[in-house]
Protein backbone atom coordinates (compact mmCIF):
# COMPACT_ATOMS: atom_id res chain seq x y z
CA UNK A 1 -21.00 -14.23 -1.09
CA UNK A 2 -21.59 -11.29 1.73
CA UNK A 3 -17.96 -12.34 3.11
CA UNK A 4 -16.69 -12.19 -0.27
CA UNK A 5 -17.69 -8.71 -0.65
CA UNK A 6 -17.07 -7.15 3.06
CA UNK A 7 -13.72 -8.75 2.45
CA UNK A 8 -13.11 -6.64 -1.57
CA UNK A 9 -14.74 -3.64 0.25
CA UNK A 10 -11.46 -4.17 2.90
CA UNK A 11 -9.36 -4.30 0.35
CA UNK A 12 -10.38 -1.72 -1.53
CA UNK A 13 -10.44 0.44 1.10
CA UNK A 14 -6.68 -0.12 2.82
CA UNK A 15 -5.68 0.49 -1.34
CA UNK A 16 -7.26 3.75 -1.10
CA UNK A 17 -5.68 4.13 2.81
CA UNK A 18 -2.33 3.57 1.07
CA UNK A 19 -2.49 5.96 -1.70
CA UNK A 20 -3.53 8.51 0.24
CA UNK A 21 -0.46 8.17 2.39
CA UNK A 22 1.57 7.58 -0.34
CA UNK A 23 0.39 11.11 -1.84
CA UNK A 24 0.21 12.66 1.72
CA UNK A 25 4.04 11.68 2.20
CA UNK A 26 5.33 12.43 -1.14
CA UNK A 27 6.61 9.22 -1.62
CA UNK A 28 8.31 8.26 -4.74
CA UNK A 29 7.37 5.04 -5.57
CA UNK A 30 10.53 4.40 -8.30
CA UNK A 31 12.89 3.90 -4.88
CA UNK A 32 10.78 1.00 -3.68
CA UNK A 33 9.81 -0.85 -7.12
CA UNK A 34 11.71 -4.34 -7.68
CA UNK A 35 13.47 -5.70 -10.55
CA UNK A 36 10.19 -7.72 -11.22
CA UNK A 37 8.03 -4.76 -11.50
CA UNK A 38 6.36 -5.43 -8.12
CA UNK A 39 6.44 -2.43 -5.28
CA UNK A 40 8.25 -3.62 -1.88
CA UNK A 41 5.31 -2.33 0.25
CA UNK A 42 7.28 -3.89 3.52
CA UNK A 43 9.62 -1.43 2.67
CA UNK A 44 7.85 1.36 2.09
CA UNK A 45 5.82 1.54 5.29
CA UNK A 46 9.09 0.40 7.51
CA UNK A 47 10.87 3.68 6.21
CA UNK A 48 8.26 6.23 6.79
CA UNK A 49 7.54 4.93 10.42
CA UNK A 50 5.05 2.49 9.77
CA UNK A 51 5.81 -1.15 11.67
CA UNK A 52 4.51 -4.05 10.29
């Protein structure tokens, strides 16, 4: 159970950091929305200098 909580906390922290990154770089998410409604995070990050 504790491992699950740690994983969820890590996911939440990653989402918070992603949100801050998007806001601080004034990224227009509309440019990364795919036809199915999902956001292409890989392209977004690569376009802004984050190599995966």
